[in-house]
PDB file of N, CA and C in Angstrom:
ATOM      1  N   MET A   1      -0.555  10.940   6.407  1.00  0.00           N
ATOM      2  CA  MET A   1       0.343   9.834   6.615  1.00  0.00           C
ATOM      3  C   MET A   1       1.725  10.414   6.884  1.00  0.00           C
ATOM      4  N   SER A   2       2.425   9.778   7.763  1.00  0.00           N
ATOM      5  CA  SER A   2       3.756  10.248   8.105  1.00  0.00           C
ATOM      6  C   SER A   2       4.740  10.019   6.955  1.00  0.00           C
ATOM      7  N   LYS A   3       5.833  10.734   7.005  1.00  0.00           N
ATOM      8  CA  LYS A   3       6.899  10.549   6.014  1.00  0.00           C
ATOM      9  C   LYS A   3       7.388   9.110   6.061  1.00  0.00           C
ATOM     10  N   ARG A   4       7.549   8.586   7.264  1.00  0.00           N
ATOM     11  CA  ARG A   4       7.994   7.201   7.442  1.00  0.00           C
ATOM     12  C   ARG A   4       7.006   6.242   6.790  1.00  0.00           C
ATOM     13  N   GLY A   5       5.703   6.477   6.986  1.00  0.00           N
ATOM     14  CA  GLY A   5       4.687   5.620   6.395  1.00  0.00           C
ATOM     15  C   GLY A   5       4.663   5.699   4.885  1.00  0.00           C
ATOM     16  N   SER A   6       4.750   6.912   4.351  1.00  0.00           N
ATOM     17  CA  SER A   6       4.718   7.042   2.894  1.00  0.00           C
ATOM     18  C   SER A   6       5.977   6.478   2.249  1.00  0.00           C
ATOM     19  N   ASP A   7       7.127   6.644   2.896  1.00  0.00           N
ATOM     20  CA  ASP A   7       8.365   6.044   2.371  1.00  0.00           C
ATOM     21  C   ASP A   7       8.254   4.522   2.347  1.00  0.00           C
ATOM     22  N   PHE A   8       7.731   3.961   3.435  1.00  0.00           N
ATOM     23  CA  PHE A   8       7.559   2.516   3.503  1.00  0.00           C
ATOM     24  C   PHE A   8       6.652   2.041   2.375  1.00  0.00           C
ATOM     25  N   LEU A   9       5.499   2.713   2.199  1.00  0.00           N
ATOM     26  CA  LEU A   9       4.554   2.318   1.157  1.00  0.00           C
ATOM     27  C   LEU A   9       5.173   2.388  -0.230  1.00  0.00           C
ATOM     28  N   TYR A  10       5.883   3.453  -0.504  1.00  0.00           N
ATOM     29  CA  TYR A  10       6.506   3.610  -1.813  1.00  0.00           C
ATOM     30  C   TYR A  10       7.401   2.412  -2.121  1.00  0.00           C
ATOM     31  N   HIS A  11       8.246   2.051  -1.175  1.00  0.00           N
ATOM     32  CA  HIS A  11       9.172   0.938  -1.407  1.00  0.00           C
ATOM     33  C   HIS A  11       8.444  -0.408  -1.436  1.00  0.00           C
ATOM     34  N   TRP A  12       7.478  -0.583  -0.531  1.00  0.00           N
ATOM     35  CA  TRP A  12       6.756  -1.859  -0.483  1.00  0.00           C
ATOM     36  C   TRP A  12       5.983  -2.084  -1.779  1.00  0.00           C
ATOM     37  N   ILE A  13       5.272  -1.062  -2.225  1.00  0.00           N
ATOM     38  CA  ILE A  13       4.472  -1.194  -3.442  1.00  0.00           C
ATOM     39  C   ILE A  13       5.365  -1.438  -4.649  1.00  0.00           C
ATOM     40  N   SER A  14       6.470  -0.745  -4.726  1.00  0.00           N
ATOM     41  CA  SER A  14       7.405  -0.938  -5.842  1.00  0.00           C
ATOM     42  C   SER A  14       7.880  -2.380  -5.927  1.00  0.00           C
ATOM     43  N   GLU A  15       8.050  -2.999  -4.781  1.00  0.00           N
ATOM     44  CA  GLU A  15       8.527  -4.385  -4.736  1.00  0.00           C
ATOM     45  C   GLU A  15       7.414  -5.407  -4.944  1.00  0.00           C
ATOM     46  N   HIS A  16       6.168  -5.030  -4.745  1.00  0.00           N
ATOM     47  CA  HIS A  16       5.070  -5.996  -4.759  1.00  0.00           C
ATOM     48  C   HIS A  16       4.061  -5.835  -5.895  1.00  0.00           C
ATOM     49  N   LEU A  17       4.245  -4.855  -6.758  1.00  0.00           N
ATOM     50  CA  LEU A  17       3.332  -4.736  -7.905  1.00  0.00           C
ATOM     51  C   LEU A  17       3.532  -5.939  -8.825  1.00  0.00           C
ATOM     52  N   PRO A  18       2.455  -6.558  -9.258  1.00  0.00           N
ATOM     53  CA  PRO A  18       2.585  -7.736 -10.117  1.00  0.00           C
ATOM     54  C   PRO A  18       3.103  -7.372 -11.512  1.00  0.00           C
ATOM     55  N   ASP A  19       3.865  -8.283 -12.078  1.00  0.00           N
ATOM     56  CA  ASP A  19       4.356  -8.112 -13.447  1.00  0.00           C
ATOM     57  C   ASP A  19       3.382  -8.690 -14.469  1.00  0.00           C
ATOM     58  N   THR A  20       2.411  -9.427 -13.979  1.00  0.00           N
ATOM     59  CA  THR A  20       1.438 -10.081 -14.849  1.00  0.00           C
ATOM     60  C   THR A  20       0.239  -9.155 -15.067  1.00  0.00           C
ATOM     61  N   PRO A  21      -0.565  -9.432 -16.089  1.00  0.00           N
ATOM     62  CA  PRO A  21      -1.768  -8.618 -16.314  1.00  0.00           C
ATOM     63  C   PRO A  21      -2.685  -8.646 -15.086  1.00  0.00           C
ATOM     64  N   ILE A  22      -3.307  -7.530 -14.818  1.00  0.00           N
ATOM     65  CA  ILE A  22      -4.190  -7.406 -13.659  1.00  0.00           C
ATOM     66  C   ILE A  22      -5.617  -7.673 -14.119  1.00  0.00           C
ATOM     67  N   ILE A  23      -6.202  -8.726 -13.568  1.00  0.00           N
ATOM     68  CA  ILE A  23      -7.551  -9.136 -13.962  1.00  0.00           C
ATOM     69  C   ILE A  23      -8.605  -8.288 -13.253  1.00  0.00           C
ATOM     70  N   ASP A  24      -8.441  -8.094 -11.951  1.00  0.00           N
ATOM     71  CA  ASP A  24      -9.407  -7.323 -11.160  1.00  0.00           C
ATOM     72  C   ASP A  24      -8.647  -6.253 -10.381  1.00  0.00           C
ATOM     73  N   PRO A  25      -8.479  -5.068 -10.970  1.00  0.00           N
ATOM     74  CA  PRO A  25      -7.664  -4.045 -10.317  1.00  0.00           C
ATOM     75  C   PRO A  25      -8.202  -3.592  -8.960  1.00  0.00           C
ATOM     76  N   VAL A  26      -9.508  -3.568  -8.794  1.00  0.00           N
ATOM     77  CA  VAL A  26     -10.077  -3.139  -7.511  1.00  0.00           C
ATOM     78  C   VAL A  26      -9.703  -4.125  -6.420  1.00  0.00           C
ATOM     79  N   LEU A  27      -9.887  -5.399  -6.667  1.00  0.00           N
ATOM     80  CA  LEU A  27      -9.534  -6.431  -5.692  1.00  0.00           C
ATOM     81  C   LEU A  27      -8.035  -6.407  -5.408  1.00  0.00           C
ATOM     82  N   MET A  28      -7.225  -6.217  -6.446  1.00  0.00           N
ATOM     83  CA  MET A  28      -5.788  -6.178  -6.259  1.00  0.00           C
ATOM     84  C   MET A  28      -5.379  -5.008  -5.364  1.00  0.00           C
ATOM     85  N   VAL A  29      -5.995  -3.841  -5.569  1.00  0.00           N
ATOM     86  CA  VAL A  29      -5.663  -2.668  -4.754  1.00  0.00           C
ATOM     87  C   VAL A  29      -6.063  -2.903  -3.299  1.00  0.00           C
ATOM     88  N   ILE A  30      -7.231  -3.473  -3.080  1.00  0.00           N
ATOM     89  CA  ILE A  30      -7.676  -3.769  -1.715  1.00  0.00           C
ATOM     90  C   ILE A  30      -6.718  -4.745  -1.051  1.00  0.00           C
ATOM     91  N   ASP A  31      -6.361  -5.815  -1.753  1.00  0.00           N
ATOM     92  CA  ASP A  31      -5.427  -6.803  -1.207  1.00  0.00           C
ATOM     93  C   ASP A  31      -4.064  -6.188  -0.929  1.00  0.00           C
ATOM     94  N   MET A  32      -3.567  -5.382  -1.857  1.00  0.00           N
ATOM     95  CA  MET A  32      -2.254  -4.769  -1.666  1.00  0.00           C
ATOM     96  C   MET A  32      -2.266  -3.795  -0.495  1.00  0.00           C
ATOM     97  N   ALA A  33      -3.332  -3.023  -0.347  1.00  0.00           N
ATOM     98  CA  ALA A  33      -3.411  -2.074   0.768  1.00  0.00           C
ATOM     99  C   ALA A  33      -3.417  -2.821   2.099  1.00  0.00           C
ATOM    100  N   THR A  34      -4.173  -3.909   2.161  1.00  0.00           N
ATOM    101  CA  THR A  34      -4.224  -4.719   3.377  1.00  0.00           C
ATOM    102  C   THR A  34      -2.860  -5.327   3.680  1.00  0.00           C
ATOM    103  N   ASP A  35      -2.228  -5.903   2.668  1.00  0.00           N
ATOM    104  CA  ASP A  35      -0.909  -6.510   2.854  1.00  0.00           C
ATOM    105  C   ASP A  35       0.138  -5.470   3.228  1.00  0.00           C
ATOM    106  N   ALA A  36       0.066  -4.295   2.622  1.00  0.00           N
ATOM    107  CA  ALA A  36       1.023  -3.228   2.929  1.00  0.00           C
ATOM    108  C   ALA A  36       0.867  -2.773   4.376  1.00  0.00           C
ATOM    109  N   LYS A  37      -0.373  -2.662   4.827  1.00  0.00           N
ATOM    110  CA  LYS A  37      -0.609  -2.258   6.211  1.00  0.00           C
ATOM    111  C   LYS A  37      -0.048  -3.293   7.173  1.00  0.00           C
ATOM    112  N   ARG A  38      -0.273  -4.572   6.902  1.00  0.00           N
ATOM    113  CA  ARG A  38       0.284  -5.637   7.751  1.00  0.00           C
ATOM    114  C   ARG A  38       1.805  -5.595   7.769  1.00  0.00           C
ATOM    115  N   ALA A  39       2.394  -5.394   6.590  1.00  0.00           N
ATOM    116  CA  ALA A  39       3.850  -5.337   6.495  1.00  0.00           C
ATOM    117  C   ALA A  39       4.387  -4.129   7.262  1.00  0.00           C
ATOM    118  N   ALA A  40       3.698  -3.003   7.173  1.00  0.00           N
ATOM    119  CA  ALA A  40       4.127  -1.806   7.907  1.00  0.00           C
ATOM    120  C   ALA A  40       4.086  -2.057   9.408  1.00  0.00           C
ATOM    121  N   GLU A  41       3.015  -2.702   9.861  1.00  0.00           N
ATOM    122  CA  GLU A  41       2.902  -3.021  11.285  1.00  0.00           C
ATOM    123  C   GLU A  41       4.038  -3.919  11.737  1.00  0.00           C
ATOM    124  N   SER A  42       4.416  -4.873  10.900  1.00  0.00           N
ATOM    125  CA  SER A  42       5.514  -5.773  11.276  1.00  0.00           C
ATOM    126  C   SER A  42       6.864  -5.055  11.288  1.00  0.00           C
ATOM    127  N   GLU A  43       6.926  -3.893  10.619  1.00  0.00           N
ATOM    128  CA  GLU A  43       8.148  -3.074  10.611  1.00  0.00           C
ATOM    129  C   GLU A  43       8.112  -1.999  11.697  1.00  0.00           C
ATOM    130  N   GLY A  44       7.075  -2.050  12.537  1.00  0.00           N
ATOM    131  CA  GLY A  44       6.986  -1.107  13.643  1.00  0.00           C
ATOM    132  C   GLY A  44       6.246   0.177  13.333  1.00  0.00           C
ATOM    133  N   ILE A  45       5.589   0.236  12.191  1.00  0.00           N
ATOM    134  CA  ILE A  45       4.777   1.403  11.856  1.00  0.00           C
ATOM    135  C   ILE A  45       3.350   1.069  12.283  1.00  0.00           C
ATOM    136  N   PRO A  46       2.821   1.766  13.284  1.00  0.00           N
ATOM    137  CA  PRO A  46       1.511   1.418  13.840  1.00  0.00           C
ATOM    138  C   PRO A  46       0.393   1.441  12.802  1.00  0.00           C
ATOM    139  N   GLY A  47      -0.523   0.501  12.946  1.00  0.00           N
ATOM    140  CA  GLY A  47      -1.672   0.441  12.065  1.00  0.00           C
ATOM    141  C   GLY A  47      -2.476   1.719  12.092  1.00  0.00           C
ATOM    142  N   GLN A  48      -2.554   2.341  13.268  1.00  0.00           N
ATOM    143  CA  GLN A  48      -3.314   3.590  13.406  1.00  0.00           C
ATOM    144  C   GLN A  48      -2.704   4.676  12.520  1.00  0.00           C
ATOM    145  N   GLU A  49      -1.385   4.689  12.448  1.00  0.00           N
ATOM    146  CA  GLU A  49      -0.707   5.672  11.598  1.00  0.00           C
ATOM    147  C   GLU A  49      -1.084   5.462  10.138  1.00  0.00           C
ATOM    148  N   MET A  50      -1.204   4.209   9.728  1.00  0.00           N
ATOM    149  CA  MET A  50      -1.585   3.900   8.358  1.00  0.00           C
ATOM    150  C   MET A  50      -3.081   4.149   8.151  1.00  0.00           C
ATOM    151  N   ASP A  51      -3.905   3.866   9.169  1.00  0.00           N
ATOM    152  CA  ASP A  51      -5.352   4.055   9.061  1.00  0.00           C
ATOM    153  C   ASP A  51      -5.743   5.516   8.886  1.00  0.00           C
ATOM    154  N   GLU A  52      -4.924   6.414   9.401  1.00  0.00           N
ATOM    155  CA  GLU A  52      -5.254   7.833   9.311  1.00  0.00           C
ATOM    156  C   GLU A  52      -5.453   8.266   7.863  1.00  0.00           C
ATOM    157  N   GLU A  53      -4.758   7.622   6.961  1.00  0.00           N
ATOM    158  CA  GLU A  53      -4.835   7.988   5.553  1.00  0.00           C
ATOM    159  C   GLU A  53      -5.070   6.765   4.673  1.00  0.00           C
ATOM    160  N   ILE A  54      -5.923   5.839   5.100  1.00  0.00           N
ATOM    161  CA  ILE A  54      -6.131   4.601   4.339  1.00  0.00           C
ATOM    162  C   ILE A  54      -6.559   4.895   2.907  1.00  0.00           C
ATOM    163  N   GLY A  55      -7.333   5.941   2.695  1.00  0.00           N
ATOM    164  CA  GLY A  55      -7.704   6.322   1.335  1.00  0.00           C
ATOM    165  C   GLY A  55      -6.482   6.661   0.514  1.00  0.00           C
ATOM    166  N   ALA A  56      -5.503   7.256   1.150  1.00  0.00           N
ATOM    167  CA  ALA A  56      -4.267   7.606   0.456  1.00  0.00           C
ATOM    168  C   ALA A  56      -3.519   6.352   0.022  1.00  0.00           C
ATOM    169  N   ILE A  57      -3.627   5.282   0.787  1.00  0.00           N
ATOM    170  CA  ILE A  57      -2.968   4.032   0.395  1.00  0.00           C
ATOM    171  C   ILE A  57      -3.556   3.548  -0.920  1.00  0.00           C
ATOM    172  N   TYR A  58      -4.876   3.534  -1.033  1.00  0.00           N
ATOM    173  CA  TYR A  58      -5.524   3.101  -2.272  1.00  0.00           C
ATOM    174  C   TYR A  58      -5.126   4.000  -3.432  1.00  0.00           C
ATOM    175  N   GLU A  59      -5.154   5.300  -3.185  1.00  0.00           N
ATOM    176  CA  GLU A  59      -4.780   6.252  -4.242  1.00  0.00           C
ATOM    177  C   GLU A  59      -3.310   6.078  -4.639  1.00  0.00           C
ATOM    178  N   PHE A  60      -2.468   5.848  -3.645  1.00  0.00           N
ATOM    179  CA  PHE A  60      -1.039   5.663  -3.889  1.00  0.00           C
ATOM    180  C   PHE A  60      -0.825   4.453  -4.792  1.00  0.00           C
ATOM    181  N   ILE A  61      -1.503   3.355  -4.509  1.00  0.00           N
ATOM    182  CA  ILE A  61      -1.364   2.142  -5.316  1.00  0.00           C
ATOM    183  C   ILE A  61      -1.921   2.382  -6.712  1.00  0.00           C
ATOM    184  N   MET A  62      -3.092   2.992  -6.808  1.00  0.00           N
ATOM    185  CA  MET A  62      -3.699   3.237  -8.117  1.00  0.00           C
ATOM    186  C   MET A  62      -2.812   4.130  -8.976  1.00  0.00           C
ATOM    187  N   ARG A  63      -2.200   5.111  -8.364  1.00  0.00           N
ATOM    188  CA  ARG A  63      -1.313   6.014  -9.107  1.00  0.00           C
ATOM    189  C   ARG A  63      -0.113   5.235  -9.663  1.00  0.00           C
ATOM    190  N   ASP A  64       0.398   4.283  -8.890  1.00  0.00           N
ATOM    191  CA  ASP A  64       1.532   3.483  -9.349  1.00  0.00           C
ATOM    192  C   ASP A  64       1.141   2.514 -10.469  1.00  0.00           C
ATOM    193  N   LEU A  65      -0.143   2.184 -10.560  1.00  0.00           N
ATOM    194  CA  LEU A  65      -0.593   1.259 -11.606  1.00  0.00           C
ATOM    195  C   LEU A  65      -0.663   1.922 -12.969  1.00  0.00           C
ATOM    196  N   ARG A  66      -0.742   3.215 -12.992  1.00  0.00           N
ATOM    197  CA  ARG A  66      -0.897   3.936 -14.267  1.00  0.00           C
ATOM    198  C   ARG A  66       0.366   3.947 -15.064  1.00  0.00           C
TER     199      ARG A  66
END
């Protein structure tokens, strides 16, 4: 993932992590990764750039949940 992509994800996830208890963490991570990718695309970061490391998006979110 590019520096631009990882910077975007870091800030987006920080702003969008729920403050409430997480009932289904797997579903939440999938939803957040999808929403983050859409948001990145709307900011001009190509989906392909995010797809190159989609596994990293899930790992990035899971790491922030700990």
